[in-house]
PDB file of all heavy atoms in Angstrom:
ATOM      1  N   LEU A   1      -8.197  13.968 -25.969  1.00  0.00           N
ATOM      2  CA  LEU A   1      -7.186  13.603 -26.897  1.00  0.00           C
ATOM      3  C   LEU A   1      -7.461  12.216 -27.467  1.00  0.00           C
ATOM      4  O   LEU A   1      -7.790  11.268 -26.772  1.00  0.00           O
ATOM      5  CB  LEU A   1      -5.806  13.593 -26.130  1.00  0.00           C
ATOM      6  CG  LEU A   1      -4.624  13.221 -26.912  1.00  0.00           C
ATOM      7  CD1 LEU A   1      -4.292  14.341 -27.971  1.00  0.00           C
ATOM      8  CD2 LEU A   1      -3.335  13.059 -26.073  1.00  0.00           C
ATOM      9  N   PHE A   2      -7.419  12.113 -28.836  1.00  0.00           N
ATOM     10  CA  PHE A   2      -7.719  10.895 -29.505  1.00  0.00           C
ATOM     11  C   PHE A   2      -9.033  10.281 -29.090  1.00  0.00           C
ATOM     12  O   PHE A   2      -9.196   9.095 -29.015  1.00  0.00           O
ATOM     13  CB  PHE A   2      -6.589   9.843 -29.233  1.00  0.00           C
ATOM     14  CG  PHE A   2      -5.265  10.267 -29.683  1.00  0.00           C
ATOM     15  CD1 PHE A   2      -4.192  10.358 -28.777  1.00  0.00           C
ATOM     16  CD2 PHE A   2      -5.014  10.642 -31.039  1.00  0.00           C
ATOM     17  CE1 PHE A   2      -2.909  10.710 -29.243  1.00  0.00           C
ATOM     18  CE2 PHE A   2      -3.728  11.041 -31.473  1.00  0.00           C
ATOM     19  CZ  PHE A   2      -2.698  11.110 -30.552  1.00  0.00           C
ATOM     20  N   ASN A   3      -9.981  11.198 -28.825  1.00  0.00           N
ATOM     21  CA  ASN A   3     -11.309  10.773 -28.474  1.00  0.00           C
ATOM     22  C   ASN A   3     -11.424  10.022 -27.166  1.00  0.00           C
ATOM     23  O   ASN A   3     -12.297   9.251 -26.859  1.00  0.00           O
ATOM     24  CB  ASN A   3     -12.005   9.945 -29.608  1.00  0.00           C
ATOM     25  CG  ASN A   3     -13.484  10.048 -29.543  1.00  0.00           C
ATOM     26  OD1 ASN A   3     -14.083  11.137 -29.245  1.00  0.00           O
ATOM     27  ND2 ASN A   3     -14.250   8.944 -29.871  1.00  0.00           N
ATOM     28  N   LEU A   4     -10.374  10.216 -26.320  1.00  0.00           N
ATOM     29  CA  LEU A   4     -10.337   9.674 -25.013  1.00  0.00           C
ATOM     30  C   LEU A   4     -10.481  10.653 -23.915  1.00  0.00           C
ATOM     31  O   LEU A   4     -10.071  11.811 -24.046  1.00  0.00           O
ATOM     32  CB  LEU A   4      -8.914   8.930 -24.809  1.00  0.00           C
ATOM     33  CG  LEU A   4      -8.562   7.821 -25.800  1.00  0.00           C
ATOM     34  CD1 LEU A   4      -7.170   7.340 -25.564  1.00  0.00           C
ATOM     35  CD2 LEU A   4      -9.505   6.658 -25.685  1.00  0.00           C
ATOM     36  N   THR A   5     -11.051  10.233 -22.755  1.00  0.00           N
ATOM     37  CA  THR A   5     -11.296  11.092 -21.672  1.00  0.00           C
ATOM     38  C   THR A   5     -10.008  11.295 -20.835  1.00  0.00           C
ATOM     39  O   THR A   5      -9.031  10.526 -21.036  1.00  0.00           O
ATOM     40  CB  THR A   5     -12.377  10.623 -20.763  1.00  0.00           C
ATOM     41  OG1 THR A   5     -12.016   9.355 -20.189  1.00  0.00           O
ATOM     42  CG2 THR A   5     -13.651  10.367 -21.549  1.00  0.00           C
ATOM     43  N   ALA A   6      -9.986  12.244 -19.905  1.00  0.00           N
ATOM     44  CA  ALA A   6      -8.811  12.435 -19.069  1.00  0.00           C
ATOM     45  C   ALA A   6      -8.560  11.204 -18.215  1.00  0.00           C
ATOM     46  O   ALA A   6      -7.414  10.773 -18.041  1.00  0.00           O
ATOM     47  CB  ALA A   6      -9.073  13.657 -18.168  1.00  0.00           C
ATOM     48  N   ALA A   7      -9.601  10.492 -17.748  1.00  0.00           N
ATOM     49  CA  ALA A   7      -9.483   9.304 -16.980  1.00  0.00           C
ATOM     50  C   ALA A   7      -8.833   8.172 -17.820  1.00  0.00           C
ATOM     51  O   ALA A   7      -8.001   7.391 -17.303  1.00  0.00           O
ATOM     52  CB  ALA A   7     -10.832   8.871 -16.435  1.00  0.00           C
ATOM     53  N   GLN A   8      -9.192   8.089 -19.092  1.00  0.00           N
ATOM     54  CA  GLN A   8      -8.629   7.022 -19.969  1.00  0.00           C
ATOM     55  C   GLN A   8      -7.246   7.273 -20.254  1.00  0.00           C
ATOM     56  O   GLN A   8      -6.382   6.375 -20.263  1.00  0.00           O
ATOM     57  CB  GLN A   8      -9.495   6.932 -21.261  1.00  0.00           C
ATOM     58  CG  GLN A   8     -10.813   6.295 -21.044  1.00  0.00           C
ATOM     59  CD  GLN A   8     -11.591   6.278 -22.357  1.00  0.00           C
ATOM     60  OE1 GLN A   8     -11.762   7.317 -23.049  1.00  0.00           O
ATOM     61  NE2 GLN A   8     -12.150   5.049 -22.630  1.00  0.00           N
ATOM     62  N   ILE A   9      -6.850   8.552 -20.464  1.00  0.00           N
ATOM     63  CA  ILE A   9      -5.497   8.888 -20.728  1.00  0.00           C
ATOM     64  C   ILE A   9      -4.612   8.535 -19.489  1.00  0.00           C
ATOM     65  O   ILE A   9      -3.504   7.987 -19.602  1.00  0.00           O
ATOM     66  CB  ILE A   9      -5.341  10.334 -21.163  1.00  0.00           C
ATOM     67  CG1 ILE A   9      -6.006  10.552 -22.525  1.00  0.00           C
ATOM     68  CG2 ILE A   9      -3.879  10.776 -21.258  1.00  0.00           C
ATOM     69  CD1 ILE A   9      -6.113  11.954 -22.953  1.00  0.00           C
ATOM     70  N   PHE A  10      -5.061   8.920 -18.336  1.00  0.00           N
ATOM     71  CA  PHE A  10      -4.365   8.700 -17.116  1.00  0.00           C
ATOM     72  C   PHE A  10      -4.310   7.230 -16.882  1.00  0.00           C
ATOM     73  O   PHE A  10      -3.251   6.700 -16.405  1.00  0.00           O
ATOM     74  CB  PHE A  10      -5.081   9.374 -15.908  1.00  0.00           C
ATOM     75  CG  PHE A  10      -4.255   9.374 -14.645  1.00  0.00           C
ATOM     76  CD1 PHE A  10      -3.018   9.862 -14.612  1.00  0.00           C
ATOM     77  CD2 PHE A  10      -4.855   8.773 -13.542  1.00  0.00           C
ATOM     78  CE1 PHE A  10      -2.299   9.803 -13.370  1.00  0.00           C
ATOM     79  CE2 PHE A  10      -4.137   8.690 -12.314  1.00  0.00           C
ATOM     80  CZ  PHE A  10      -2.892   9.219 -12.272  1.00  0.00           C
ATOM     81  N   SER A  11      -5.310   6.464 -17.223  1.00  0.00           N
ATOM     82  CA  SER A  11      -5.313   4.999 -17.115  1.00  0.00           C
ATOM     83  C   SER A  11      -4.260   4.393 -17.938  1.00  0.00           C
ATOM     84  O   SER A  11      -3.465   3.522 -17.576  1.00  0.00           O
ATOM     85  CB  SER A  11      -6.664   4.417 -17.429  1.00  0.00           C
ATOM     86  OG  SER A  11      -7.675   4.794 -16.557  1.00  0.00           O
ATOM     87  N   LEU A  12      -4.112   4.845 -19.172  1.00  0.00           N
ATOM     88  CA  LEU A  12      -3.083   4.329 -20.058  1.00  0.00           C
ATOM     89  C   LEU A  12      -1.691   4.585 -19.532  1.00  0.00           C
ATOM     90  O   LEU A  12      -0.804   3.774 -19.659  1.00  0.00           O
ATOM     91  CB  LEU A  12      -3.266   4.997 -21.489  1.00  0.00           C
ATOM     92  CG  LEU A  12      -4.457   4.486 -22.312  1.00  0.00           C
ATOM     93  CD1 LEU A  12      -4.505   5.304 -23.569  1.00  0.00           C
ATOM     94  CD2 LEU A  12      -4.377   3.004 -22.563  1.00  0.00           C
ATOM     95  N   ILE A  13      -1.465   5.781 -18.985  1.00  0.00           N
ATOM     96  CA  ILE A  13      -0.216   6.148 -18.391  1.00  0.00           C
ATOM     97  C   ILE A  13       0.099   5.163 -17.254  1.00  0.00           C
ATOM     98  O   ILE A  13       1.253   4.643 -17.111  1.00  0.00           O
ATOM     99  CB  ILE A  13      -0.149   7.549 -17.904  1.00  0.00           C
ATOM    100  CG1 ILE A  13      -0.318   8.565 -19.098  1.00  0.00           C
ATOM    101  CG2 ILE A  13       1.126   7.860 -17.063  1.00  0.00           C
ATOM    102  CD1 ILE A  13      -0.466   9.983 -18.706  1.00  0.00           C
ATOM    103  N   LEU A  14      -0.879   4.948 -16.437  1.00  0.00           N
ATOM    104  CA  LEU A  14      -0.692   4.011 -15.318  1.00  0.00           C
ATOM    105  C   LEU A  14      -0.381   2.542 -15.734  1.00  0.00           C
ATOM    106  O   LEU A  14       0.485   1.889 -15.211  1.00  0.00           O
ATOM    107  CB  LEU A  14      -1.894   3.992 -14.362  1.00  0.00           C
ATOM    108  CG  LEU A  14      -2.119   5.267 -13.514  1.00  0.00           C
ATOM    109  CD1 LEU A  14      -3.393   5.098 -12.722  1.00  0.00           C
ATOM    110  CD2 LEU A  14      -0.930   5.486 -12.656  1.00  0.00           C
ATOM    111  N   ILE A  15      -1.128   2.088 -16.743  1.00  0.00           N
ATOM    112  CA  ILE A  15      -0.891   0.719 -17.274  1.00  0.00           C
ATOM    113  C   ILE A  15       0.509   0.578 -17.842  1.00  0.00           C
ATOM    114  O   ILE A  15       1.282  -0.395 -17.497  1.00  0.00           O
ATOM    115  CB  ILE A  15      -1.914   0.431 -18.377  1.00  0.00           C
ATOM    116  CG1 ILE A  15      -3.307   0.350 -17.825  1.00  0.00           C
ATOM    117  CG2 ILE A  15      -1.596  -0.915 -19.075  1.00  0.00           C
ATOM    118  CD1 ILE A  15      -4.444   0.300 -18.881  1.00  0.00           C
ATOM    119  N   PHE A  16       0.936   1.555 -18.689  1.00  0.00           N
ATOM    120  CA  PHE A  16       2.272   1.524 -19.333  1.00  0.00           C
ATOM    121  C   PHE A  16       3.295   1.643 -18.252  1.00  0.00           C
ATOM    122  O   PHE A  16       4.288   0.798 -18.243  1.00  0.00           O
ATOM    123  CB  PHE A  16       2.426   2.655 -20.295  1.00  0.00           C
ATOM    124  CG  PHE A  16       3.755   2.821 -20.870  1.00  0.00           C
ATOM    125  CD1 PHE A  16       4.180   1.943 -21.876  1.00  0.00           C
ATOM    126  CD2 PHE A  16       4.682   3.730 -20.348  1.00  0.00           C
ATOM    127  CE1 PHE A  16       5.471   2.041 -22.443  1.00  0.00           C
ATOM    128  CE2 PHE A  16       6.004   3.858 -20.940  1.00  0.00           C
ATOM    129  CZ  PHE A  16       6.362   2.947 -21.953  1.00  0.00           C
ATOM    130  N   THR A  17       3.197   2.544 -17.244  1.00  0.00           N
ATOM    131  CA  THR A  17       4.201   2.707 -16.291  1.00  0.00           C
ATOM    132  C   THR A  17       4.353   1.521 -15.371  1.00  0.00           C
ATOM    133  O   THR A  17       5.437   1.033 -15.046  1.00  0.00           O
ATOM    134  CB  THR A  17       3.864   3.956 -15.337  1.00  0.00           C
ATOM    135  OG1 THR A  17       3.813   5.069 -16.220  1.00  0.00           O
ATOM    136  CG2 THR A  17       4.957   4.219 -14.345  1.00  0.00           C
ATOM    137  N   SER A  18       3.217   0.902 -14.961  1.00  0.00           N
ATOM    138  CA  SER A  18       3.244  -0.237 -14.128  1.00  0.00           C
ATOM    139  C   SER A  18       3.860  -1.408 -14.758  1.00  0.00           C
ATOM    140  O   SER A  18       4.756  -2.099 -14.117  1.00  0.00           O
ATOM    141  CB  SER A  18       1.821  -0.633 -13.616  1.00  0.00           C
ATOM    142  OG  SER A  18       1.190   0.460 -12.891  1.00  0.00           O
ATOM    143  N   ILE A  19       3.491  -1.761 -15.937  1.00  0.00           N
ATOM    144  CA  ILE A  19       4.063  -2.935 -16.621  1.00  0.00           C
ATOM    145  C   ILE A  19       5.534  -2.675 -16.896  1.00  0.00           C
ATOM    146  O   ILE A  19       6.300  -3.622 -16.780  1.00  0.00           O
ATOM    147  CB  ILE A  19       3.302  -3.114 -17.946  1.00  0.00           C
ATOM    148  CG1 ILE A  19       1.866  -3.606 -17.677  1.00  0.00           C
ATOM    149  CG2 ILE A  19       3.986  -4.196 -18.874  1.00  0.00           C
ATOM    150  CD1 ILE A  19       0.964  -3.748 -18.865  1.00  0.00           C
ATOM    151  N   LEU A  20       5.918  -1.477 -17.282  1.00  0.00           N
ATOM    152  CA  LEU A  20       7.303  -1.122 -17.597  1.00  0.00           C
ATOM    153  C   LEU A  20       8.165  -1.345 -16.303  1.00  0.00           C
ATOM    154  O   LEU A  20       9.235  -1.943 -16.333  1.00  0.00           O
ATOM    155  CB  LEU A  20       7.436   0.337 -18.010  1.00  0.00           C
ATOM    156  CG  LEU A  20       8.889   0.792 -18.300  1.00  0.00           C
ATOM    157  CD1 LEU A  20       9.508  -0.062 -19.437  1.00  0.00           C
ATOM    158  CD2 LEU A  20       8.882   2.285 -18.633  1.00  0.00           C
ATOM    159  N   LEU A  21       7.641  -0.869 -15.138  1.00  0.00           N
ATOM    160  CA  LEU A  21       8.381  -1.050 -13.864  1.00  0.00           C
ATOM    161  C   LEU A  21       8.558  -2.520 -13.549  1.00  0.00           C
ATOM    162  O   LEU A  21       9.603  -2.946 -12.963  1.00  0.00           O
ATOM    163  CB  LEU A  21       7.636  -0.348 -12.752  1.00  0.00           C
ATOM    164  CG  LEU A  21       7.759   1.193 -12.831  1.00  0.00           C
ATOM    165  CD1 LEU A  21       6.838   1.840 -11.708  1.00  0.00           C
ATOM    166  CD2 LEU A  21       9.157   1.620 -12.682  1.00  0.00           C
ATOM    167  N   ILE A  22       7.539  -3.370 -13.747  1.00  0.00           N
ATOM    168  CA  ILE A  22       7.638  -4.804 -13.452  1.00  0.00           C
ATOM    169  C   ILE A  22       8.698  -5.455 -14.348  1.00  0.00           C
ATOM    170  O   ILE A  22       9.554  -6.165 -13.842  1.00  0.00           O
ATOM    171  CB  ILE A  22       6.265  -5.530 -13.756  1.00  0.00           C
ATOM    172  CG1 ILE A  22       5.240  -5.106 -12.680  1.00  0.00           C
ATOM    173  CG2 ILE A  22       6.412  -6.964 -13.762  1.00  0.00           C
ATOM    174  CD1 ILE A  22       3.859  -5.654 -12.878  1.00  0.00           C
ATOM    175  N   PHE A  23       8.770  -5.123 -15.613  1.00  0.00           N
ATOM    176  CA  PHE A  23       9.740  -5.691 -16.492  1.00  0.00           C
ATOM    177  C   PHE A  23      11.133  -5.151 -16.219  1.00  0.00           C
ATOM    178  O   PHE A  23      12.069  -5.903 -16.289  1.00  0.00           O
ATOM    179  CB  PHE A  23       9.390  -5.412 -18.009  1.00  0.00           C
ATOM    180  CG  PHE A  23       8.390  -6.441 -18.500  1.00  0.00           C
ATOM    181  CD1 PHE A  23       7.036  -6.062 -18.672  1.00  0.00           C
ATOM    182  CD2 PHE A  23       8.725  -7.717 -18.869  1.00  0.00           C
ATOM    183  CE1 PHE A  23       6.067  -6.940 -19.136  1.00  0.00           C
ATOM    184  CE2 PHE A  23       7.799  -8.581 -19.371  1.00  0.00           C
ATOM    185  CZ  PHE A  23       6.511  -8.228 -19.487  1.00  0.00           C
ATOM    186  N   MET A  24      11.185  -3.873 -15.877  1.00  0.00           N
ATOM    187  CA  MET A  24      12.559  -3.317 -15.543  1.00  0.00           C
ATOM    188  C   MET A  24      13.121  -3.994 -14.268  1.00  0.00           C
ATOM    189  O   MET A  24      14.319  -4.281 -14.211  1.00  0.00           O
ATOM    190  CB  MET A  24      12.413  -1.839 -15.364  1.00  0.00           C
ATOM    191  CG  MET A  24      12.238  -1.023 -16.618  1.00  0.00           C
ATOM    192  SD  MET A  24      12.033   0.743 -16.279  1.00  0.00           S
ATOM    193  CE  MET A  24      13.664   1.168 -15.598  1.00  0.00           C
ATOM    194  N   LYS A  25      12.215  -4.220 -13.322  1.00  0.00           N
ATOM    195  CA  LYS A  25      12.664  -4.892 -12.076  1.00  0.00           C
ATOM    196  C   LYS A  25      13.103  -6.271 -12.344  1.00  0.00           C
ATOM    197  O   LYS A  25      14.058  -6.796 -11.760  1.00  0.00           O
ATOM    198  CB  LYS A  25      11.480  -4.853 -11.081  1.00  0.00           C
ATOM    199  CG  LYS A  25      12.037  -5.187  -9.606  1.00  0.00           C
ATOM    200  CD  LYS A  25      12.779  -4.054  -9.087  1.00  0.00           C
ATOM    201  CE  LYS A  25      13.109  -4.324  -7.589  1.00  0.00           C
ATOM    202  NZ  LYS A  25      14.059  -3.285  -7.116  1.00  0.00           N
ATOM    203  N   ARG A  26      12.416  -6.943 -13.239  1.00  0.00           N
ATOM    204  CA  ARG A  26      12.780  -8.354 -13.559  1.00  0.00           C
ATOM    205  C   ARG A  26      14.091  -8.522 -14.372  1.00  0.00           C
ATOM    206  O   ARG A  26      14.646  -9.603 -14.441  1.00  0.00           O
ATOM    207  CB  ARG A  26      11.604  -9.028 -14.295  1.00  0.00           C
ATOM    208  CG  ARG A  26      10.392  -9.255 -13.432  1.00  0.00           C
ATOM    209  CD  ARG A  26       9.473 -10.277 -13.978  1.00  0.00           C
ATOM    210  NE  ARG A  26       8.376 -10.543 -13.021  1.00  0.00           N
ATOM    211  CZ  ARG A  26       7.624 -11.593 -13.118  1.00  0.00           C
ATOM    212  NH1 ARG A  26       7.662 -12.385 -14.148  1.00  0.00           N
ATOM    213  NH2 ARG A  26       6.656 -11.857 -12.205  1.00  0.00           N
ATOM    214  N   LEU A  27      14.465  -7.378 -14.931  1.00  0.00           N
ATOM    215  CA  LEU A  27      15.763  -7.449 -15.630  1.00  0.00           C
ATOM    216  C   LEU A  27      16.885  -7.457 -14.643  1.00  0.00           C
ATOM    217  O   LEU A  27      18.024  -7.811 -14.973  1.00  0.00           O
ATOM    218  CB  LEU A  27      15.872  -6.225 -16.585  1.00  0.00           C
ATOM    219  CG  LEU A  27      14.977  -6.247 -17.833  1.00  0.00           C
ATOM    220  CD1 LEU A  27      15.166  -4.959 -18.657  1.00  0.00           C
ATOM    221  CD2 LEU A  27      15.238  -7.482 -18.683  1.00  0.00           C
TER     222      LEU A  27
END
């Protein structure tokens, strides 16, 4: 997808989810 491998797509999901959870917790 978008010239990205499965590992890269999964990595992006993890990055977005982790950062989102940190900010949500800080709210």
